[in-house]
Amino acid sequence: MSEDTTTKPVWKIKKTQSANDTQVDGTHYKKMSIEPWELMEALLEPEEFIGFLKGNAMKYALRDGKKEGALYDADKARHYMAKLAEVKAK
């Protein structure tokens, strides 16, 4: 019996809360009556919102370790990717 090498692995993220339940590096968005990405999700076309999430994930991933004082860029990139995964799963 030969091993199937055409199947890509499926990675599953264990989630206990949604991306909306967390904020990386502060509470400034959580203190607002509506978080900016919740407003964007409501007003933008789905493709536009997905593009916003992808762009921010790339921005934070690319600047990780390059901006002085930005200790949480990798975490922010993961946060946007978690939100992207949630949006795409809907």
C-alpha atoms as a PDB file:
ATOM      1  CA  MET A   1       0.000   0.000   0.000  1.00  0.00           C
ATOM      2  CA  SER A   2       1.487   3.372  -1.000  1.00  0.00           C
ATOM      3  CA  GLU A   3       1.143   6.550   0.972  1.00  0.00           C
ATOM      4  CA  ASP A   4      -1.038   9.294  -0.529  1.00  0.00           C
ATOM      5  CA  THR A   5       1.280  12.267  -1.027  1.00  0.00           C
ATOM      6  CA  THR A   6      -1.277  14.489  -2.772  1.00  0.00           C
ATOM      7  CA  THR A   7      -3.272  15.335   0.349  1.00  0.00           C
ATOM      8  CA  LYS A   8      -2.232  18.483   2.184  1.00  0.00           C
ATOM      9  CA  PRO A   9      -2.366  18.452   5.980  1.00  0.00           C
ATOM     10  CA  VAL A  10      -5.311  20.188   7.566  1.00  0.00           C
ATOM     11  CA  TRP A  11      -4.405  22.368  10.536  1.00  0.00           C
ATOM     12  CA  LYS A  12      -7.084  23.037  13.086  1.00  0.00           C
ATOM     13  CA  ILE A  13      -6.838  25.860  15.588  1.00  0.00           C
ATOM     14  CA  LYS A  14      -8.267  25.204  19.024  1.00  0.00           C
ATOM     15  CA  LYS A  15     -10.503  28.141  19.811  1.00  0.00           C
ATOM     16  CA  THR A  16     -12.169  28.953  23.065  1.00  0.00           C
ATOM     17  CA  GLN A  17     -13.119  32.521  22.166  1.00  0.00           C
ATOM     18  CA  SER A  18     -13.569  34.577  19.038  1.00  0.00           C
ATOM     19  CA  ALA A  19     -11.119  37.165  17.761  1.00  0.00           C
ATOM     20  CA  ASN A  20     -13.661  39.805  18.836  1.00  0.00           C
ATOM     21  CA  ASP A  21     -13.230  38.715  22.457  1.00  0.00           C
ATOM     22  CA  THR A  22      -9.550  39.624  22.556  1.00  0.00           C
ATOM     23  CA  GLN A  23      -7.314  42.589  21.874  1.00  0.00           C
ATOM     24  CA  VAL A  24      -3.550  42.580  21.583  1.00  0.00           C
ATOM     25  CA  ASP A  25      -1.582  45.304  23.383  1.00  0.00           C
ATOM     26  CA  GLY A  26      -4.144  47.433  25.178  1.00  0.00           C
ATOM     27  CA  THR A  27      -7.866  47.942  25.592  1.00  0.00           C
ATOM     28  CA  HIS A  28      -8.467  51.011  23.420  1.00  0.00           C
ATOM     29  CA  TYR A  29     -10.721  49.164  20.934  1.00  0.00           C
ATOM     30  CA  LYS A  30     -12.551  47.166  23.601  1.00  0.00           C
ATOM     31  CA  LYS A  31     -13.551  50.432  25.299  1.00  0.00           C
ATOM     32  CA  MET A  32     -15.378  51.674  22.184  1.00  0.00           C
ATOM     33  CA  SER A  33     -19.104  51.152  21.737  1.00  0.00           C
ATOM     34  CA  ILE A  34     -18.299  49.294  18.505  1.00  0.00           C
ATOM     35  CA  GLU A  35     -14.897  48.029  17.472  1.00  0.00           C
ATOM     36  CA  PRO A  36     -13.605  49.382  14.152  1.00  0.00           C
ATOM     37  CA  TRP A  37     -13.410  45.981  12.484  1.00  0.00           C
ATOM     38  CA  GLU A  38     -16.996  45.186  13.529  1.00  0.00           C
ATOM     39  CA  LEU A  39     -18.128  48.406  11.823  1.00  0.00           C
ATOM     40  CA  MET A  40     -16.040  47.606   8.740  1.00  0.00           C
ATOM     41  CA  GLU A  41     -17.448  44.092   8.589  1.00  0.00           C
ATOM     42  CA  ALA A  42     -20.973  45.528   8.679  1.00  0.00           C
ATOM     43  CA  LEU A  43     -20.377  48.211   6.045  1.00  0.00           C
ATOM     44  CA  LEU A  44     -17.854  46.728   3.623  1.00  0.00           C
ATOM     45  CA  GLU A  45     -18.443  44.066   1.012  1.00  0.00           C
ATOM     46  CA  PRO A  46     -17.146  40.686   2.236  1.00  0.00           C
ATOM     47  CA  GLU A  47     -14.238  40.766  -0.252  1.00  0.00           C
ATOM     48  CA  GLU A  48     -13.253  44.247   0.938  1.00  0.00           C
ATOM     49  CA  PHE A  49     -13.264  43.197   4.578  1.00  0.00           C
ATOM     50  CA  ILE A  50     -11.239  40.073   3.808  1.00  0.00           C
ATOM     51  CA  GLY A  51      -8.731  42.267   1.965  1.00  0.00           C
ATOM     52  CA  PHE A  52      -8.483  44.564   4.996  1.00  0.00           C
ATOM     53  CA  LEU A  53      -7.795  41.618   7.301  1.00  0.00           C
ATOM     54  CA  LYS A  54      -5.200  40.121   4.955  1.00  0.00           C
ATOM     55  CA  GLY A  55      -3.476  43.476   4.512  1.00  0.00           C
ATOM     56  CA  ASN A  56      -3.203  44.112   8.237  1.00  0.00           C
ATOM     57  CA  ALA A  57      -1.960  40.576   8.892  1.00  0.00           C
ATOM     58  CA  MET A  58       0.769  41.091   6.282  1.00  0.00           C
ATOM     59  CA  LYS A  59       1.637  44.552   7.635  1.00  0.00           C
ATOM     60  CA  TYR A  60       2.146  43.325  11.175  1.00  0.00           C
ATOM     61  CA  ALA A  61       3.997  40.178  10.084  1.00  0.00           C
ATOM     62  CA  LEU A  62       6.384  42.146   7.878  1.00  0.00           C
ATOM     63  CA  ARG A  63       7.191  44.799  10.456  1.00  0.00           C
ATOM     64  CA  ASP A  64       7.655  42.339  13.327  1.00  0.00           C
ATOM     65  CA  GLY A  65      10.937  43.123  15.035  1.00  0.00           C
ATOM     66  CA  LYS A  66      11.603  46.185  12.900  1.00  0.00           C
ATOM     67  CA  LYS A  67       9.653  48.947  14.638  1.00  0.00           C
ATOM     68  CA  GLU A  68      11.064  50.168  17.923  1.00  0.00           C
ATOM     69  CA  GLY A  69       8.695  49.546  20.807  1.00  0.00           C
ATOM     70  CA  ALA A  70       6.358  47.300  18.791  1.00  0.00           C
ATOM     71  CA  LEU A  71       6.586  44.179  20.926  1.00  0.00           C
ATOM     72  CA  TYR A  72       3.306  42.641  19.830  1.00  0.00           C
ATOM     73  CA  ASP A  73       3.421  42.755  16.031  1.00  0.00           C
ATOM     74  CA  ALA A  74       3.536  38.952  15.624  1.00  0.00           C
ATOM     75  CA  ASP A  75       0.597  38.624  18.020  1.00  0.00           C
ATOM     76  CA  LYS A  76      -1.325  41.288  16.099  1.00  0.00           C
ATOM     77  CA  ALA A  77      -0.666  39.464  12.824  1.00  0.00           C
ATOM     78  CA  ARG A  78      -2.009  36.237  14.374  1.00  0.00           C
ATOM     79  CA  HIS A  79      -5.041  38.130  15.692  1.00  0.00           C
ATOM     80  CA  TYR A  80      -5.930  39.389  12.208  1.00  0.00           C
ATOM     81  CA  MET A  81      -5.399  35.888  10.808  1.00  0.00           C
ATOM     82  CA  ALA A  82      -7.732  34.468  13.472  1.00  0.00           C
ATOM     83  CA  LYS A  83     -10.407  36.993  12.503  1.00  0.00           C
ATOM     84  CA  LEU A  84      -9.839  36.162   8.822  1.00  0.00           C
ATOM     85  CA  ALA A  85     -10.318  32.456   9.534  1.00  0.00           C
ATOM     86  CA  GLU A  86     -13.557  33.204  11.392  1.00  0.00           C
ATOM     87  CA  VAL A  87     -14.890  35.363   8.554  1.00  0.00           C
ATOM     88  CA  LYS A  88     -14.048  32.763   5.926  1.00  0.00           C
ATOM     89  CA  ALA A  89     -15.686  30.004   7.988  1.00  0.00           C
ATOM     90  CA  LYS A  90     -19.049  31.799   7.987  1.00  0.00           C
END
